[in-house]
Structures are given as C-alpha cells and as structure tokens.
C-alpha atoms as a PDB file:
ATOM      1  CA  MET A   1      85.501  75.191 125.339  1.00  0.00           C
ATOM      2  CA  GLU A   2      87.166  72.695 124.164  1.00  0.00           C
ATOM      3  CA  ILE A   3      87.668  71.228 121.123  1.00  0.00           C
ATOM      4  CA  SER A   4      88.999  67.435 120.354  1.00  0.00           C
ATOM      5  CA  ARG A   5      90.316  66.071 117.607  1.00  0.00           C
ATOM      6  CA  ILE A   6      90.130  63.182 115.814  1.00  0.00           C
ATOM      7  CA  ALA A   7      92.810  61.484 116.823  1.00  0.00           C
ATOM      8  CA  GLY A   8      90.888  61.867 120.425  1.00  0.00           C
ATOM      9  CA  GLN A   9      93.107  64.285 122.348  1.00  0.00           C
ATOM     10  CA  PRO A  10      91.219  67.551 123.626  1.00  0.00           C
ATOM     11  CA  ILE A  11      92.445  70.642 122.432  1.00  0.00           C
ATOM     12  CA  GLY A  12      91.893  73.635 124.456  1.00  0.00           C
ATOM     13  CA  MET A  13      90.989  77.161 123.966  1.00  0.00           C
ATOM     14  CA  ASN A  14      91.461  80.019 126.083  1.00  0.00           C
ATOM     15  CA  VAL A  15      87.837  81.998 124.529  1.00  0.00           C
ATOM     16  CA  GLU A  16      88.611  85.219 126.520  1.00  0.00           C
ATOM     17  CA  LYS A  17      92.506  85.414 125.041  1.00  0.00           C
ATOM     18  CA  LEU A  18      90.963  86.144 121.893  1.00  0.00           C
ATOM     19  CA  ALA A  19      87.956  88.176 122.921  1.00  0.00           C
ATOM     20  CA  ALA A  20      90.877  90.765 124.361  1.00  0.00           C
ATOM     21  CA  ALA A  21      92.892  90.855 121.440  1.00  0.00           C
ATOM     22  CA  GLU A  22      93.314  93.745 119.665  1.00  0.00           C
ATOM     23  CA  PRO A  23      92.537  93.926 115.267  1.00  0.00           C
ATOM     24  CA  LYS A  24      96.330  95.055 113.813  1.00  0.00           C
ATOM     25  CA  LYS A  25      95.687  98.740 112.686  1.00  0.00           C
ATOM     26  CA  ALA A  26      96.399  99.628 108.695  1.00  0.00           C
ATOM     27  CA  LYS A  27     100.959 100.056 108.400  1.00  0.00           C
ATOM     28  CA  GLU A  28      99.085 103.152 105.729  1.00  0.00           C
ATOM     29  CA  SER A  29      96.552 104.652 105.348  1.00  0.00           C
ATOM     30  CA  PHE A  30      94.152 105.572 102.134  1.00  0.00           C
ATOM     31  CA  GLY A  31      94.954 109.023 101.840  1.00  0.00           C
ATOM     32  CA  ASP A  32      98.960 107.927 102.473  1.00  0.00           C
ATOM     33  CA  ILE A  33      98.241 105.398  99.803  1.00  0.00           C
ATOM     34  CA  PHE A  34      97.330 107.889  97.516  1.00  0.00           C
ATOM     35  CA  SER A  35      99.176 110.245  98.144  1.00  0.00           C
ATOM     36  CA  GLY A  36     102.222 108.332  97.068  1.00  0.00           C
ATOM     37  CA  TYR A  37     100.278 107.282  93.834  1.00  0.00           C
ATOM     38  CA  LEU A  38      99.896 111.189  93.487  1.00  0.00           C
ATOM     39  CA  ASN A  39     103.371 112.009  93.633  1.00  0.00           C
ATOM     40  CA  ASN A  40     104.085 109.357  91.488  1.00  0.00           C
ATOM     41  CA  VAL A  41     101.897 110.651  88.619  1.00  0.00           C
ATOM     42  CA  ASN A  42     104.306 113.909  89.272  1.00  0.00           C
ATOM     43  CA  GLN A  43     106.861 112.048  89.312  1.00  0.00           C
ATOM     44  CA  GLN A  44     106.611 110.410  85.546  1.00  0.00           C
ATOM     45  CA  LEU A  45     105.614 113.573  84.627  1.00  0.00           C
ATOM     46  CA  VAL A  46     108.347 115.948  85.612  1.00  0.00           C
ATOM     47  CA  ASP A  47     110.863 113.357  84.388  1.00  0.00           C
ATOM     48  CA  SER A  48     108.863 113.020  80.802  1.00  0.00           C
ATOM     49  CA  GLU A  49     109.014 117.006  80.549  1.00  0.00           C
ATOM     50  CA  LYS A  50     112.762 116.804  80.866  1.00  0.00           C
ATOM     51  CA  LEU A  51     113.257 114.028  78.826  1.00  0.00           C
ATOM     52  CA  THR A  52     111.766 116.313  76.028  1.00  0.00           C
ATOM     53  CA  ALA A  53     113.930 119.071  76.900  1.00  0.00           C
ATOM     54  CA  GLN A  54     117.256 117.290  76.909  1.00  0.00           C
ATOM     55  CA  LEU A  55     116.080 115.872  73.623  1.00  0.00           C
ATOM     56  CA  ALA A  56     115.292 119.073  72.048  1.00  0.00           C
ATOM     57  CA  THR A  57     118.899 120.749  73.231  1.00  0.00           C
ATOM     58  CA  GLY A  58     120.320 117.238  71.515  1.00  0.00           C
ATOM     59  CA  GLU A  59     122.107 116.056  75.443  1.00  0.00           C
ATOM     60  CA  VAL A  60     119.381 112.580  75.316  1.00  0.00           C
ATOM     61  CA  LYS A  61     119.860 110.035  71.463  1.00  0.00           C
ATOM     62  CA  ASN A  62     117.675 108.143  71.911  1.00  0.00           C
ATOM     63  CA  LEU A  63     114.172 109.087  71.064  1.00  0.00           C
ATOM     64  CA  HIS A  64     112.469 105.990  72.221  1.00  0.00           C
ATOM     65  CA  ASP A  65     113.340 105.868  75.677  1.00  0.00           C
ATOM     66  CA  VAL A  66     111.919 110.254  75.884  1.00  0.00           C
ATOM     67  CA  THR A  67     108.984 108.657  73.919  1.00  0.00           C
ATOM     68  CA  ILE A  68     108.561 105.266  76.142  1.00  0.00           C
ATOM     69  CA  ALA A  69     108.805 108.148  79.279  1.00  0.00           C
ATOM     70  CA  ALA A  70     106.356 110.006  77.841  1.00  0.00           C
ATOM     71  CA  GLN A  71     103.658 107.489  77.120  1.00  0.00           C
ATOM     72  CA  LYS A  72     104.017 106.156  80.578  1.00  0.00           C
ATOM     73  CA  ALA A  73     103.276 109.858  81.967  1.00  0.00           C
ATOM     74  CA  SER A  74     100.424 109.935  79.639  1.00  0.00           C
ATOM     75  CA  ILE A  75      99.114 106.619  80.872  1.00  0.00           C
ATOM     76  CA  ALA A  76     100.007 107.289  84.616  1.00  0.00           C
ATOM     77  CA  LEU A  77      97.584 110.484  84.249  1.00  0.00           C
ATOM     78  CA  GLN A  78      94.993 108.714  82.187  1.00  0.00           C
ATOM     79  CA  LEU A  79      94.198 106.709  84.911  1.00  0.00           C
ATOM     80  CA  THR A  80      94.793 108.989  87.885  1.00  0.00           C
ATOM     81  CA  VAL A  81      91.725 111.164  85.866  1.00  0.00           C
ATOM     82  CA  GLN A  82      89.652 108.310  85.327  1.00  0.00           C
ATOM     83  CA  VAL A  83      90.001 107.040  89.326  1.00  0.00           C
ATOM     84  CA  ARG A  84      88.963 110.935  90.179  1.00  0.00           C
ATOM     85  CA  ASP A  85      86.090 110.860  88.218  1.00  0.00           C
ATOM     86  CA  ARG A  86      85.067 107.829  89.258  1.00  0.00           C
ATOM     87  CA  ALA A  87      85.547 109.251  92.620  1.00  0.00           C
ATOM     88  CA  VAL A  88      83.151 112.523  91.939  1.00  0.00           C
ATOM     89  CA  GLU A  89      80.696 109.688  90.545  1.00  0.00           C
ATOM     90  CA  ALA A  90      80.712 107.510  94.182  1.00  0.00           C
ATOM     91  CA  TYR A  91      80.022 110.903  95.911  1.00  0.00           C
ATOM     92  CA  GLN A  92      77.216 112.572  93.475  1.00  0.00           C
ATOM     93  CA  GLU A  93      75.696 109.123  93.894  1.00  0.00           C
ATOM     94  CA  ILE A  94      76.327 109.263  97.638  1.00  0.00           C
ATOM     95  CA  MET A  95      74.757 112.725  98.340  1.00  0.00           C
ATOM     96  CA  ARG A  96      72.011 111.607  95.888  1.00  0.00           C
ATOM     97  CA  MET A  97      70.543 109.055  98.287  1.00  0.00           C
ATOM     98  CA  GLN A  98      67.684 109.849 100.575  1.00  0.00           C
ATOM     99  CA  ILE A  99      68.006 109.503 104.309  1.00  0.00           C
END
C-alpha cells in the first residue's frame, strides 16, 4: 500500500508488520492498583491512630498535624467505602440483567 504525500513522494507502509504487532501489555492490573490503594488507605489509618496515641501521651506537641492526619484518613476511608458501594451496586445490576 502506498500513500503519497503532498510533495508527491510516496511513503511506504508495511501492512504485514502492523498486523503482526502485538499490543503492549499493561504494567499493572486493576487488582494490583486497587490493592495498592487499599494498603495506602490502611497505612493512613494506622498513622492517624499512632499520632492520636502520641498526642494522648504528650509526645506530639502540634495538634494540627494530628487533626490533619485524622481528616486525611477519614476522607480516604469514606472514598473507599463509596467505591466499594458503587462496585457492589454495579455487580448487582449486572446480575439482574437477563440474557
């Protein structure tokens, strides 16, 4: 197959090479990405609890850091619950479909 450019010089295209080319595989699967996200959320919750315990014992002087860590962990957990709820809802909707 030849495609000619505006200047008039043909450009060769090897169609057989294009057909034989394999698509690139994804570096990470969805499960790996989701697992990493869940580990991150869990680590934020653990860090928040650790800072809260340190505040109670007087090891942490800055209340703002503890409050910010607690809010980050809370928001991450709320997002995780929302994603889970949406996934369950989508699964249930798929199960209700008639074939």
